[in-house]
């Protein structure tokens, strides 16, 4: 299982290297440029590139030099499968790293690609969780038993800021020897 990511990673890097060399960059500049990305990003991009490459091969299209419409159709399929706009953005970045430039721009910098991603974000906006991942009562209870410098304990309480406001403010009051 561990050998698969390494081979996928090398395939993606080879494609990116070929793209850099085709642009006229020297081998040394190409190597330095490829090391700019963290290993985890290179592996992530390689996996995404391989997914796109497989999609293109099934359609008898060239993944490195195919039209922008193919890239956008691929992203649309992913979107319809439920992929998030941020995931589509990673796919597009990976494809941009290996795809030939179109009109002097990477496919990710093309105005149609940017418009597509904005549309995907509008259709499926990112939703932040409405409740925190931690439970407030557990945190307050733990703080009530915590010891601070000078052997003082923490006392926590909730209070409503005003009768009209619906939110609560948490106050942590450090009490010293004599009380409150």
C-alpha atoms as a PDB file:
ATOM      1  CA  UNK A   1       0.000   0.000   0.000  1.00  0.00           C
ATOM      2  CA  UNK A   2       2.853   2.417   0.782  1.00  0.00           C
ATOM      3  CA  UNK A   3       4.400   1.969  -2.660  1.00  0.00           C
ATOM      4  CA  UNK A   4       1.315   3.285  -4.485  1.00  0.00           C
ATOM      5  CA  UNK A   5       1.564   6.900  -3.250  1.00  0.00           C
ATOM      6  CA  UNK A   6       5.260   6.994  -4.106  1.00  0.00           C
ATOM      7  CA  UNK A   7       4.695   5.786  -7.665  1.00  0.00           C
ATOM      8  CA  UNK A   8       1.720   8.112  -8.133  1.00  0.00           C
ATOM      9  CA  UNK A   9       3.773  10.973  -6.739  1.00  0.00           C
ATOM     10  CA  UNK A  10       6.625  10.305  -9.166  1.00  0.00           C
ATOM     11  CA  UNK A  11       4.235  10.144 -12.127  1.00  0.00           C
ATOM     12  CA  UNK A  12       2.789  13.560 -11.297  1.00  0.00           C
ATOM     13  CA  UNK A  13       6.218  15.062 -10.737  1.00  0.00           C
ATOM     14  CA  UNK A  14       7.442  13.666 -14.053  1.00  0.00           C
ATOM     15  CA  UNK A  15       4.527  15.320 -15.854  1.00  0.00           C
ATOM     16  CA  UNK A  16       5.170  18.615 -14.087  1.00  0.00           C
ATOM     17  CA  UNK A  17       8.885  18.352 -14.882  1.00  0.00           C
ATOM     18  CA  UNK A  18       8.092  17.772 -18.562  1.00  0.00           C
ATOM     19  CA  UNK A  19       5.832  20.826 -18.522  1.00  0.00           C
ATOM     20  CA  UNK A  20       8.589  22.997 -17.011  1.00  0.00           C
ATOM     21  CA  UNK A  21      11.161  21.726 -19.496  1.00  0.00           C
ATOM     22  CA  UNK A  22       8.752  22.331 -22.407  1.00  0.00           C
ATOM     23  CA  UNK A  23       8.507  25.950 -21.243  1.00  0.00           C
ATOM     24  CA  UNK A  24      12.258  26.266 -21.699  1.00  0.00           C
ATOM     25  CA  UNK A  25      13.354  26.021 -18.063  1.00  0.00           C
ATOM     26  CA  UNK A  26      16.669  24.326 -17.321  1.00  0.00           C
ATOM     27  CA  UNK A  27      16.836  21.039 -15.429  1.00  0.00           C
ATOM     28  CA  UNK A  28      18.270  22.809 -12.381  1.00  0.00           C
ATOM     29  CA  UNK A  29      15.501  25.444 -12.316  1.00  0.00           C
ATOM     30  CA  UNK A  30      12.904  22.721 -12.829  1.00  0.00           C
ATOM     31  CA  UNK A  31      14.246  20.662  -9.933  1.00  0.00           C
ATOM     32  CA  UNK A  32      14.369  23.683  -7.610  1.00  0.00           C
ATOM     33  CA  UNK A  33      10.833  24.687  -8.602  1.00  0.00           C
ATOM     34  CA  UNK A  34       9.467  21.221  -7.923  1.00  0.00           C
ATOM     35  CA  UNK A  35      10.948  21.160  -4.440  1.00  0.00           C
ATOM     36  CA  UNK A  36       9.075  24.372  -3.584  1.00  0.00           C
ATOM     37  CA  UNK A  37       5.959  22.348  -2.759  1.00  0.00           C
ATOM     38  CA  UNK A  38       5.837  20.373   0.461  1.00  0.00           C
ATOM     39  CA  UNK A  39       5.961  16.584   0.013  1.00  0.00           C
ATOM     40  CA  UNK A  40       2.363  16.268   1.226  1.00  0.00           C
ATOM     41  CA  UNK A  41       1.189  18.772  -1.415  1.00  0.00           C
ATOM     42  CA  UNK A  42       3.161  16.982  -4.137  1.00  0.00           C
ATOM     43  CA  UNK A  43       1.526  13.691  -3.145  1.00  0.00           C
ATOM     44  CA  UNK A  44      -1.917  15.304  -3.025  1.00  0.00           C
ATOM     45  CA  UNK A  45      -1.449  16.928  -6.436  1.00  0.00           C
ATOM     46  CA  UNK A  46      -0.113  13.691  -7.914  1.00  0.00           C
ATOM     47  CA  UNK A  47      -3.162  11.746  -6.780  1.00  0.00           C
ATOM     48  CA  UNK A  48      -5.513  14.420  -8.166  1.00  0.00           C
ATOM     49  CA  UNK A  49      -3.572  14.551 -11.433  1.00  0.00           C
ATOM     50  CA  UNK A  50      -3.795  10.776 -11.814  1.00  0.00           C
ATOM     51  CA  UNK A  51      -7.573  10.971 -11.299  1.00  0.00           C
ATOM     52  CA  UNK A  52      -7.858  13.622 -14.010  1.00  0.00           C
ATOM     53  CA  UNK A  53      -5.501  11.712 -16.304  1.00  0.00           C
ATOM     54  CA  UNK A  54      -7.602   8.539 -15.971  1.00  0.00           C
ATOM     55  CA  UNK A  55     -10.757  10.543 -16.719  1.00  0.00           C
ATOM     56  CA  UNK A  56      -9.148  11.988 -19.863  1.00  0.00           C
ATOM     57  CA  UNK A  57      -7.877   8.621 -21.098  1.00  0.00           C
ATOM     58  CA  UNK A  58     -11.393   7.150 -20.832  1.00  0.00           C
ATOM     59  CA  UNK A  59     -12.536   9.977 -23.127  1.00  0.00           C
ATOM     60  CA  UNK A  60      -9.587   9.679 -25.524  1.00  0.00           C
ATOM     61  CA  UNK A  61      -8.331  13.156 -24.584  1.00  0.00           C
ATOM     62  CA  UNK A  62      -4.834  14.323 -23.790  1.00  0.00           C
ATOM     63  CA  UNK A  63      -4.608  15.338 -20.115  1.00  0.00           C
ATOM     64  CA  UNK A  64      -1.591  17.625 -20.653  1.00  0.00           C
ATOM     65  CA  UNK A  65      -2.871  19.626 -23.569  1.00  0.00           C
ATOM     66  CA  UNK A  66      -6.628  19.077 -23.714  1.00  0.00           C
ATOM     67  CA  UNK A  67      -9.016  22.015 -23.970  1.00  0.00           C
ATOM     68  CA  UNK A  68     -10.183  23.995 -20.971  1.00  0.00           C
ATOM     69  CA  UNK A  69     -13.700  22.699 -21.600  1.00  0.00           C
ATOM     70  CA  UNK A  70     -12.492  19.192 -20.699  1.00  0.00           C
ATOM     71  CA  UNK A  71     -11.030  20.416 -17.423  1.00  0.00           C
ATOM     72  CA  UNK A  72     -14.275  22.199 -16.559  1.00  0.00           C
ATOM     73  CA  UNK A  73     -16.389  19.154 -17.501  1.00  0.00           C
ATOM     74  CA  UNK A  74     -14.210  17.009 -15.230  1.00  0.00           C
ATOM     75  CA  UNK A  75     -14.687  19.465 -12.362  1.00  0.00           C
ATOM     76  CA  UNK A  76     -18.437  19.578 -13.032  1.00  0.00           C
ATOM     77  CA  UNK A  77     -18.635  15.797 -12.734  1.00  0.00           C
ATOM     78  CA  UNK A  78     -16.806  15.940  -9.410  1.00  0.00           C
ATOM     79  CA  UNK A  79     -19.157  18.689  -8.233  1.00  0.00           C
ATOM     80  CA  UNK A  80     -22.187  16.607  -9.190  1.00  0.00           C
ATOM     81  CA  UNK A  81     -20.693  13.702  -7.217  1.00  0.00           C
ATOM     82  CA  UNK A  82     -20.841  15.930  -4.135  1.00  0.00           C
ATOM     83  CA  UNK A  83     -17.262  17.198  -3.975  1.00  0.00           C
ATOM     84  CA  UNK A  84     -16.913  20.524  -2.199  1.00  0.00           C
ATOM     85  CA  UNK A  85     -15.736  23.693  -3.962  1.00  0.00           C
ATOM     86  CA  UNK A  86     -12.520  23.598  -1.923  1.00  0.00           C
ATOM     87  CA  UNK A  87     -11.845  20.065  -3.183  1.00  0.00           C
ATOM     88  CA  UNK A  88     -12.464  21.239  -6.750  1.00  0.00           C
ATOM     89  CA  UNK A  89      -9.939  24.010  -6.158  1.00  0.00           C
ATOM     90  CA  UNK A  90      -7.286  21.438  -5.155  1.00  0.00           C
ATOM     91  CA  UNK A  91      -8.045  19.398  -8.278  1.00  0.00           C
ATOM     92  CA  UNK A  92      -7.729  22.517 -10.417  1.00  0.00           C
ATOM     93  CA  UNK A  93      -4.414  23.448  -8.784  1.00  0.00           C
ATOM     94  CA  UNK A  94      -3.066  19.953  -9.430  1.00  0.00           C
ATOM     95  CA  UNK A  95      -4.206  20.022 -13.060  1.00  0.00           C
ATOM     96  CA  UNK A  96      -2.703  23.511 -13.475  1.00  0.00           C
ATOM     97  CA  UNK A  97       0.668  22.226 -12.277  1.00  0.00           C
ATOM     98  CA  UNK A  98       0.808  19.634 -15.070  1.00  0.00           C
ATOM     99  CA  UNK A  99      -1.370  20.997 -17.878  1.00  0.00           C
ATOM    100  CA  UNK A 100       0.080  23.125 -20.647  1.00  0.00           C
ATOM    101  CA  UNK A 101      -0.744  26.806 -20.525  1.00  0.00           C
ATOM    102  CA  UNK A 102      -3.687  28.084 -22.528  1.00  0.00           C
ATOM    103  CA  UNK A 103      -3.321  31.602 -23.920  1.00  0.00           C
ATOM    104  CA  UNK A 104      -0.273  32.097 -21.686  1.00  0.00           C
ATOM    105  CA  UNK A 105      -2.134  31.220 -18.466  1.00  0.00           C
ATOM    106  CA  UNK A 106      -2.446  28.112 -16.365  1.00  0.00           C
ATOM    107  CA  UNK A 107      -5.878  26.516 -16.494  1.00  0.00           C
ATOM    108  CA  UNK A 108      -6.410  27.616 -12.885  1.00  0.00           C
ATOM    109  CA  UNK A 109      -5.757  31.264 -13.768  1.00  0.00           C
ATOM    110  CA  UNK A 110      -8.149  31.215 -16.721  1.00  0.00           C
ATOM    111  CA  UNK A 111     -11.168  33.498 -16.169  1.00  0.00           C
ATOM    112  CA  UNK A 112     -13.591  30.658 -17.000  1.00  0.00           C
ATOM    113  CA  UNK A 113     -12.029  28.429 -14.346  1.00  0.00           C
ATOM    114  CA  UNK A 114     -12.231  31.215 -11.775  1.00  0.00           C
ATOM    115  CA  UNK A 115     -15.856  31.870 -12.695  1.00  0.00           C
ATOM    116  CA  UNK A 116     -16.648  28.149 -12.452  1.00  0.00           C
ATOM    117  CA  UNK A 117     -15.182  27.916  -8.927  1.00  0.00           C
ATOM    118  CA  UNK A 118     -17.107  31.018  -7.830  1.00  0.00           C
ATOM    119  CA  UNK A 119     -20.300  29.468  -9.183  1.00  0.00           C
ATOM    120  CA  UNK A 120     -19.603  26.220  -7.326  1.00  0.00           C
ATOM    121  CA  UNK A 121     -19.027  28.185  -4.109  1.00  0.00           C
ATOM    122  CA  UNK A 122     -22.287  30.066  -4.588  1.00  0.00           C
ATOM    123  CA  UNK A 123     -24.228  26.869  -5.292  1.00  0.00           C
ATOM    124  CA  UNK A 124     -22.684  25.019  -2.377  1.00  0.00           C
ATOM    125  CA  UNK A 125     -21.499  27.571   0.204  1.00  0.00           C
ATOM    126  CA  UNK A 126     -19.227  26.433   2.980  1.00  0.00           C
ATOM    127  CA  UNK A 127     -21.162  25.983   6.172  1.00  0.00           C
ATOM    128  CA  UNK A 128     -19.449  26.420   9.475  1.00  0.00           C
ATOM    129  CA  UNK A 129     -20.686  24.243  12.323  1.00  0.00           C
ATOM    130  CA  UNK A 130     -23.342  26.031  14.355  1.00  0.00           C
ATOM    131  CA  UNK A 131     -22.098  24.555  17.626  1.00  0.00           C
ATOM    132  CA  UNK A 132     -18.546  24.267  18.843  1.00  0.00           C
ATOM    133  CA  UNK A 133     -16.855  20.869  18.740  1.00  0.00           C
ATOM    134  CA  UNK A 134     -16.280  21.083  22.481  1.00  0.00           C
ATOM    135  CA  UNK A 135     -18.962  21.050  25.169  1.00  0.00           C
ATOM    136  CA  UNK A 136     -19.101  24.242  27.209  1.00  0.00           C
ATOM    137  CA  UNK A 137     -20.213  22.541  30.421  1.00  0.00           C
ATOM    138  CA  UNK A 138     -17.230  20.153  30.284  1.00  0.00           C
ATOM    139  CA  UNK A 139     -14.798  23.055  29.821  1.00  0.00           C
ATOM    140  CA  UNK A 140     -16.364  25.073  32.640  1.00  0.00           C
ATOM    141  CA  UNK A 141     -16.306  22.103  34.982  1.00  0.00           C
ATOM    142  CA  UNK A 142     -12.632  21.421  34.219  1.00  0.00           C
ATOM    143  CA  UNK A 143     -11.744  25.076  34.780  1.00  0.00           C
ATOM    144  CA  UNK A 144     -13.537  25.120  38.122  1.00  0.00           C
ATOM    145  CA  UNK A 145     -11.082  22.494  39.401  1.00  0.00           C
ATOM    146  CA  UNK A 146      -7.970  23.934  37.741  1.00  0.00           C
ATOM    147  CA  UNK A 147      -5.192  25.350  39.878  1.00  0.00           C
ATOM    148  CA  UNK A 148      -3.362  28.508  38.869  1.00  0.00           C
ATOM    149  CA  UNK A 149      -0.170  30.151  40.204  1.00  0.00           C
ATOM    150  CA  UNK A 150      -0.365  30.951  43.882  1.00  0.00           C
ATOM    151  CA  UNK A 151      -2.646  27.938  44.462  1.00  0.00           C
ATOM    152  CA  UNK A 152      -5.706  29.902  43.359  1.00  0.00           C
ATOM    153  CA  UNK A 153      -8.640  28.194  41.678  1.00  0.00           C
ATOM    154  CA  UNK A 154     -10.607  29.352  38.677  1.00  0.00           C
ATOM    155  CA  UNK A 155     -14.281  30.070  39.050  1.00  0.00           C
ATOM    156  CA  UNK A 156     -16.355  30.162  35.918  1.00  0.00           C
ATOM    157  CA  UNK A 157     -19.811  31.536  35.432  1.00  0.00           C
ATOM    158  CA  UNK A 158     -22.174  32.474  32.671  1.00  0.00           C
ATOM    159  CA  UNK A 159     -24.142  35.649  32.708  1.00  0.00           C
ATOM    160  CA  UNK A 160     -26.547  37.197  30.293  1.00  0.00           C
ATOM    161  CA  UNK A 161     -25.212  40.520  29.035  1.00  0.00           C
ATOM    162  CA  UNK A 162     -28.683  41.996  28.745  1.00  0.00           C
ATOM    163  CA  UNK A 163     -32.287  40.866  28.718  1.00  0.00           C
ATOM    164  CA  UNK A 164     -32.612  41.680  25.009  1.00  0.00           C
ATOM    165  CA  UNK A 165     -29.501  39.782  23.923  1.00  0.00           C
ATOM    166  CA  UNK A 166     -29.778  36.086  23.268  1.00  0.00           C
ATOM    167  CA  UNK A 167     -26.130  35.169  23.682  1.00  0.00           C
ATOM    168  CA  UNK A 168     -24.146  34.513  26.798  1.00  0.00           C
ATOM    169  CA  UNK A 169     -20.741  35.739  27.741  1.00  0.00           C
ATOM    170  CA  UNK A 170     -18.375  33.457  29.564  1.00  0.00           C
ATOM    171  CA  UNK A 171     -16.345  35.055  32.276  1.00  0.00           C
ATOM    172  CA  UNK A 172     -13.458  33.387  33.984  1.00  0.00           C
ATOM    173  CA  UNK A 173     -12.764  34.952  37.309  1.00  0.00           C
ATOM    174  CA  UNK A 174      -9.679  34.002  39.210  1.00  0.00           C
ATOM    175  CA  UNK A 175     -10.400  34.084  42.899  1.00  0.00           C
ATOM    176  CA  UNK A 176      -7.828  34.657  45.548  1.00  0.00           C
ATOM    177  CA  UNK A 177      -7.814  33.580  49.192  1.00  0.00           C
ATOM    178  CA  UNK A 178     -10.552  35.861  50.576  1.00  0.00           C
ATOM    179  CA  UNK A 179     -13.386  35.048  48.222  1.00  0.00           C
ATOM    180  CA  UNK A 180     -15.473  36.797  45.618  1.00  0.00           C
END
